[in-house]
Amino acid sequence: MSQDFTITVITGATCSGKTKLAIDLAKKNNGEIICADSRSVYKNLDIVSAKPTIDEMEGIKHHLLDIVEPSEDFSAGDFVKYAKDVLKEIKDRGKNVIIAGGTWFYIKSLLDEKELPKVGINKELREKLSTKSNDELWQILFALDPTRANQIHKNNKDKVIRSIEMCKGLNMPISQYQREQKEPLCANWYMPKIEREELYNRINKRVDVMIQQGLFEEWQKNKELYPNSKILENTIGYREFFELERGTWQDFSQAVEKIKQRTRNFAKRQLTYFRSNPDIKEI
């Protein structure tokens, strides 16, 4: 895609204020927002993904919210396909493009115009890999593609397995395949400036608000609607209720505390990663 328009990226840790910053920027600069969040793309995951409400959007058009069912697979390649169409639409309307979200791989895949190759599911390989530990899987991926391995946390087992599957299917590292793609789009990168202690306090308060808003009830409804969805099982805020149901936690309050802890840990990893990137300016 040739570029003759401005792209601004607002990224950062969960609960750091990305949404508000992006909306304020869009209002000042005649912009529309492309949401880059691996959970907000799914329908009915409203509370758990902290989707902005109509009031919170303040009249700013948001794209790529609620586009697939939680029973469907949605990859970075799918995000790129949808987002490229939206980029063109925003450009044709004479608006500025603001990409907001914390799913780094979605954003980088879009800007680098490096769509992931179409590699089919290898059931035999997946069955073999599923018996291995998270550490073993990550080491396998690192041996195949160190660059890709360093972009994925070892506990993200599904993504690690998929990446191994893709390397095997391509007979080359994913990162090598991507380097052979087109020239990247240019963007200005920003993240909200926030101290870690304040971020953790926000996370704890947000989880309390989510519980008040009906997070548990949303989980109950969605597990009935989508009984075989891996997305639900692997989403912080739902995962803990599945564990509560299986007896992992003693009571509801312990499950809620686990949501807070895992969200803080996730935010810590995000914050460390984003702050290590010299292209991202804190504002």
Protein backbone atom coordinates (compact mmCIF):
# COMPACT_ATOMS: atom_id res chain seq x y z
CA MET A 1 0.00 0.00 0.00
CA SER A 2 1.46 3.35 -1.00
CA GLN A 3 1.28 6.00 1.69
CA ASP A 4 0.22 9.60 1.33
CA PHE A 5 -1.55 10.01 4.67
CA THR A 6 -0.64 10.23 8.36
CA ILE A 7 -0.83 7.28 10.74
CA THR A 8 -0.58 7.70 14.49
CA VAL A 9 -0.27 4.70 16.80
CA ILE A 10 -1.39 4.86 20.43
CA THR A 11 -0.22 1.76 22.25
CA GLY A 12 0.82 0.82 25.76
CA ALA A 13 -0.10 -1.38 28.68
CA THR A 14 -3.64 -2.42 29.47
CA CYS A 15 -5.47 0.17 31.59
CA SER A 16 -2.86 2.87 30.88
CA GLY A 17 -5.29 5.26 29.18
CA LYS A 18 -4.83 4.38 25.50
CA THR A 19 -8.50 4.73 24.60
CA LYS A 20 -8.92 8.21 26.10
CA LEU A 21 -5.66 9.44 24.57
CA ALA A 22 -6.65 8.12 21.13
CA ILE A 23 -10.10 9.71 21.31
CA ASP A 24 -8.70 13.08 22.40
CA LEU A 25 -6.21 12.94 19.53
CA ALA A 26 -8.90 11.98 17.02
CA LYS A 27 -11.10 14.90 18.11
CA LYS A 28 -8.25 17.38 17.70
CA ASN A 29 -6.97 16.00 14.40
CA ASN A 30 -10.05 14.94 12.44
CA GLY A 31 -9.26 11.27 12.96
CA GLU A 32 -10.89 7.87 13.08
CA ILE A 33 -9.69 5.00 15.24
CA ILE A 34 -8.72 1.49 14.21
CA CYS A 35 -8.83 -0.71 17.31
CA ALA A 36 -5.92 -3.14 17.54
CA ASP A 37 -6.97 -5.43 20.36
CA SER A 38 -7.04 -9.21 20.15
CA ARG A 39 -10.18 -9.46 22.29
CA SER A 40 -12.21 -6.42 21.20
CA VAL A 41 -12.55 -7.90 17.72
CA TYR A 42 -14.88 -10.51 19.22
CA LYS A 43 -18.60 -9.98 19.67
CA ASN A 44 -20.11 -10.16 23.16
CA LEU A 45 -16.76 -9.84 24.97
CA ASP A 46 -17.70 -6.33 26.04
CA ILE A 47 -16.88 -6.10 29.73
CA VAL A 48 -13.91 -8.45 29.75
CA SER A 49 -12.18 -6.56 26.93
CA ALA A 50 -13.12 -3.12 28.32
CA LYS A 51 -14.57 -2.03 24.98
CA PRO A 52 -15.36 1.67 24.86
CA THR A 53 -19.04 2.45 25.19
CA ILE A 54 -20.91 4.70 22.77
CA ASP A 55 -20.66 7.54 25.31
CA GLU A 56 -16.93 6.96 25.82
CA MET A 57 -16.32 7.10 22.05
CA GLU A 58 -17.47 10.76 22.13
CA GLY A 59 -18.69 10.62 18.54
CA ILE A 60 -15.40 9.31 17.15
CA LYS A 61 -15.77 6.46 14.69
CA HIS A 62 -14.12 3.22 15.90
CA HIS A 63 -13.31 0.35 13.55
CA LEU A 64 -12.68 -3.39 14.02
CA LEU A 65 -14.80 -3.85 17.11
CA ASP A 66 -17.26 -6.78 17.22
CA ILE A 67 -16.37 -8.24 13.83
CA VAL A 68 -16.17 -12.00 14.58
CA GLU A 69 -17.80 -14.53 16.89
CA PRO A 70 -15.72 -16.00 19.75
CA SER A 71 -16.19 -19.40 18.13
CA GLU A 72 -14.17 -18.22 15.10
CA ASP A 73 -10.41 -18.05 14.69
CA PHE A 74 -8.96 -14.58 14.13
CA SER A 75 -5.28 -14.11 13.35
CA ALA A 76 -2.90 -11.21 12.79
CA GLY A 77 -3.29 -11.93 9.09
CA ASP A 78 -7.06 -11.49 9.39
CA PHE A 79 -6.52 -8.21 11.23
CA VAL A 80 -4.27 -6.94 8.44
CA LYS A 81 -6.84 -7.87 5.80
CA TYR A 82 -9.66 -6.00 7.57
CA ALA A 83 -7.51 -3.05 8.62
CA LYS A 84 -6.09 -2.38 5.15
CA ASP A 85 -9.62 -1.94 3.80
CA VAL A 86 -10.47 0.40 6.67
CA LEU A 87 -7.27 2.40 6.13
CA LYS A 88 -8.31 3.07 2.55
CA GLU A 89 -11.83 4.09 3.61
CA ILE A 90 -10.52 6.54 6.21
CA LYS A 91 -8.05 7.97 3.74
CA ASP A 92 -10.78 8.39 1.10
CA ARG A 93 -12.86 10.36 3.61
CA GLY A 94 -9.96 12.75 4.14
CA LYS A 95 -9.52 11.74 7.76
CA ASN A 96 -6.40 10.91 9.76
CA VAL A 97 -5.75 7.34 10.87
CA ILE A 98 -5.23 6.53 14.54
CA ILE A 99 -4.43 2.95 15.49
CA ALA A 100 -5.10 2.28 19.17
CA GLY A 101 -4.45 -0.89 21.10
CA GLY A 102 -2.01 -3.06 22.94
CA THR A 103 -1.79 -6.02 20.57
CA TRP A 104 1.69 -5.29 19.26
CA PHE A 105 1.80 -8.05 16.67
CA TYR A 106 -1.42 -6.84 15.03
CA ILE A 107 -0.07 -3.31 14.71
CA LYS A 108 3.36 -4.33 13.44
CA SER A 109 1.88 -6.79 10.94
CA LEU A 110 -0.33 -4.03 9.53
CA LEU A 111 2.31 -1.32 9.34
CA ASP A 112 4.97 -3.61 7.97
CA GLU A 113 2.44 -4.90 5.41
CA LYS A 114 3.70 -8.34 6.27
CA GLU A 115 0.65 -10.51 6.20
CA LEU A 116 1.25 -13.91 7.68
CA PRO A 117 1.30 -16.68 5.08
CA LYS A 118 -1.63 -19.03 4.72
CA VAL A 119 -0.41 -22.22 6.34
CA GLY A 120 -2.94 -24.95 7.00
CA ILE A 121 -3.55 -26.77 10.27
CA ASN A 122 -1.24 -29.74 10.85
CA LYS A 123 -3.21 -31.94 13.27
CA GLU A 124 -0.46 -34.54 13.63
CA LEU A 125 2.11 -31.89 14.53
CA ARG A 126 -0.28 -30.18 16.96
CA GLU A 127 -1.00 -33.44 18.77
CA LYS A 128 2.71 -34.07 19.14
CA LEU A 129 3.41 -30.54 20.38
CA SER A 130 0.47 -30.47 22.81
CA THR A 131 2.25 -32.96 25.10
CA LYS A 132 5.23 -30.66 25.62
CA SER A 133 5.68 -28.03 28.32
CA ASN A 134 5.55 -24.30 27.63
CA ASP A 135 9.32 -24.05 28.07
CA GLU A 136 9.97 -26.92 25.66
CA LEU A 137 7.65 -25.43 23.04
CA TRP A 138 9.25 -22.01 23.28
CA GLN A 139 12.71 -23.54 22.86
CA ILE A 140 11.53 -25.37 19.74
CA LEU A 141 10.23 -22.10 18.31
CA PHE A 142 13.42 -20.27 19.28
CA ALA A 143 15.46 -22.85 17.37
CA LEU A 144 13.25 -22.34 14.30
CA ASP A 145 12.82 -18.56 14.49
CA PRO A 146 14.49 -16.60 17.34
CA THR A 147 12.93 -13.31 16.22
CA ARG A 148 9.41 -14.68 16.33
CA ALA A 149 10.05 -16.49 19.63
CA ASN A 150 11.12 -13.25 21.29
CA GLN A 151 7.81 -11.65 20.27
CA ILE A 152 5.72 -14.25 22.12
CA HIS A 153 5.55 -15.02 25.83
CA LYS A 154 6.28 -18.68 26.53
CA ASN A 155 2.97 -19.10 28.37
CA ASN A 156 1.01 -18.20 25.23
CA LYS A 157 0.97 -21.87 24.25
CA ASP A 158 -1.52 -21.63 21.39
CA LYS A 159 0.43 -18.87 19.65
CA VAL A 160 3.76 -20.66 20.16
CA ILE A 161 2.35 -23.87 18.67
CA ARG A 162 0.84 -21.97 15.73
CA SER A 163 4.17 -20.26 15.07
CA ILE A 164 6.01 -23.60 15.08
CA GLU A 165 3.38 -24.96 12.72
CA MET A 166 3.88 -22.01 10.36
CA CYS A 167 7.67 -22.30 10.38
CA LYS A 168 7.38 -25.98 9.56
CA GLY A 169 4.83 -25.31 6.82
CA LEU A 170 6.92 -22.56 5.25
CA ASN A 171 10.23 -24.38 5.62
CA MET A 172 11.67 -21.06 6.77
CA PRO A 173 11.39 -18.69 9.75
CA ILE A 174 8.27 -16.51 9.77
CA SER A 175 10.51 -13.47 10.30
CA GLN A 176 12.45 -14.31 7.13
CA TYR A 177 9.21 -14.59 5.17
CA GLN A 178 8.12 -11.20 6.48
CA ARG A 179 11.42 -9.51 5.61
CA GLU A 180 10.79 -10.39 1.99
CA GLN A 181 7.49 -8.52 1.96
CA LYS A 182 6.74 -4.90 1.03
CA GLU A 183 8.11 -1.64 2.42
CA PRO A 184 6.51 -0.73 5.76
CA LEU A 185 4.03 2.07 6.33
CA CYS A 186 5.33 4.97 8.40
CA ALA A 187 3.71 5.94 11.68
CA ASN A 188 4.22 8.14 14.71
CA TRP A 189 4.20 6.00 17.87
CA TYR A 190 3.01 7.14 21.31
CA MET A 191 2.03 5.60 24.63
CA PRO A 192 0.46 7.13 27.75
CA LYS A 193 3.00 8.03 30.40
CA ILE A 194 2.14 6.28 33.65
CA GLU A 195 4.05 5.02 36.68
CA ARG A 196 3.82 1.32 37.44
CA GLU A 197 2.22 1.80 40.87
CA GLU A 198 -0.52 3.99 39.38
CA LEU A 199 -1.07 1.45 36.61
CA TYR A 200 -1.51 -1.35 39.13
CA ASN A 201 -3.97 0.75 41.14
CA ARG A 202 -5.99 1.42 37.99
CA ILE A 203 -6.04 -2.27 37.16
CA ASN A 204 -7.31 -3.23 40.61
CA LYS A 205 -10.05 -0.60 40.43
CA ARG A 206 -11.00 -1.56 36.87
CA VAL A 207 -11.46 -5.21 37.82
CA ASP A 208 -13.71 -4.17 40.70
CA VAL A 209 -15.77 -2.05 38.30
CA MET A 210 -15.93 -4.91 35.78
CA ILE A 211 -17.32 -7.21 38.47
CA GLN A 212 -19.95 -4.58 39.33
CA GLN A 213 -20.82 -4.24 35.63
CA GLY A 214 -21.51 -7.98 35.38
CA LEU A 215 -18.27 -9.66 34.27
CA PHE A 216 -19.24 -12.97 35.88
CA GLU A 217 -22.68 -12.90 34.26
CA GLU A 218 -21.11 -12.07 30.88
CA TRP A 219 -18.84 -15.10 31.26
CA GLN A 220 -21.79 -17.34 32.12
CA LYS A 221 -23.71 -16.16 29.07
CA ASN A 222 -20.79 -16.54 26.67
CA LYS A 223 -19.74 -19.99 27.84
CA GLU A 224 -23.28 -21.14 27.02
CA LEU A 225 -23.26 -19.40 23.63
CA TYR A 226 -19.76 -20.59 22.70
CA PRO A 227 -19.13 -23.86 24.60
CA ASN A 228 -16.01 -24.85 22.66
CA SER A 229 -14.33 -21.46 22.36
CA LYS A 230 -10.63 -21.44 23.20
CA ILE A 231 -10.78 -17.65 23.17
CA LEU A 232 -12.96 -17.65 26.28
CA GLU A 233 -10.69 -20.13 28.08
CA ASN A 234 -7.60 -18.07 27.29
CA THR A 235 -8.94 -14.63 28.19
CA ILE A 236 -7.93 -13.11 31.52
CA GLY A 237 -11.19 -12.35 33.31
CA TYR A 238 -12.92 -15.47 32.00
CA ARG A 239 -10.13 -17.99 32.53
CA GLU A 240 -10.30 -17.52 36.30
CA PHE A 241 -14.03 -18.31 36.37
CA PHE A 242 -13.45 -21.49 34.39
CA GLU A 243 -10.82 -22.37 36.99
CA LEU A 244 -13.25 -21.52 39.80
CA GLU A 245 -15.78 -23.85 38.20
CA ARG A 246 -13.17 -26.64 38.16
CA GLY A 247 -12.28 -26.07 41.81
CA THR A 248 -8.91 -24.38 41.30
CA TRP A 249 -9.89 -21.47 43.56
CA GLN A 250 -11.55 -21.67 46.96
CA ASP A 251 -14.14 -19.00 46.31
CA PHE A 252 -15.25 -16.14 44.08
CA SER A 253 -13.09 -13.52 45.79
CA GLN A 254 -9.95 -15.60 45.22
CA ALA A 255 -10.78 -15.85 41.52
CA VAL A 256 -11.21 -12.07 41.35
CA GLU A 257 -7.85 -11.52 43.03
CA LYS A 258 -6.30 -13.85 40.45
CA ILE A 259 -7.79 -11.72 37.66
CA LYS A 260 -6.13 -8.67 39.18
CA GLN A 261 -2.78 -10.43 39.62
CA ARG A 262 -2.66 -11.82 36.09
CA THR A 263 -3.71 -8.50 34.61
CA ARG A 264 -0.97 -6.71 36.55
CA ASN A 265 1.59 -9.27 35.38
CA PHE A 266 0.44 -8.88 31.78
CA ALA A 267 0.60 -5.08 32.05
CA LYS A 268 4.09 -5.27 33.53
CA ARG A 269 5.32 -7.27 30.54
CA GLN A 270 3.64 -4.84 28.14
CA LEU A 271 5.10 -1.80 29.88
CA THR A 272 8.62 -3.25 29.88
CA TYR A 273 8.40 -4.18 26.22
CA PHE A 274 6.94 -0.89 25.00
CA ARG A 275 9.37 1.22 27.03
CA SER A 276 12.28 -0.70 25.51
CA ASN A 277 11.20 0.39 22.02
CA PRO A 278 12.95 3.64 21.04
CA ASP A 279 10.29 4.42 18.41
CA ILE A 280 7.56 4.88 21.05
CA LYS A 281 7.32 8.24 22.79
CA GLU A 282 5.62 8.52 26.19
CA ILE A 283 3.21 11.45 26.43
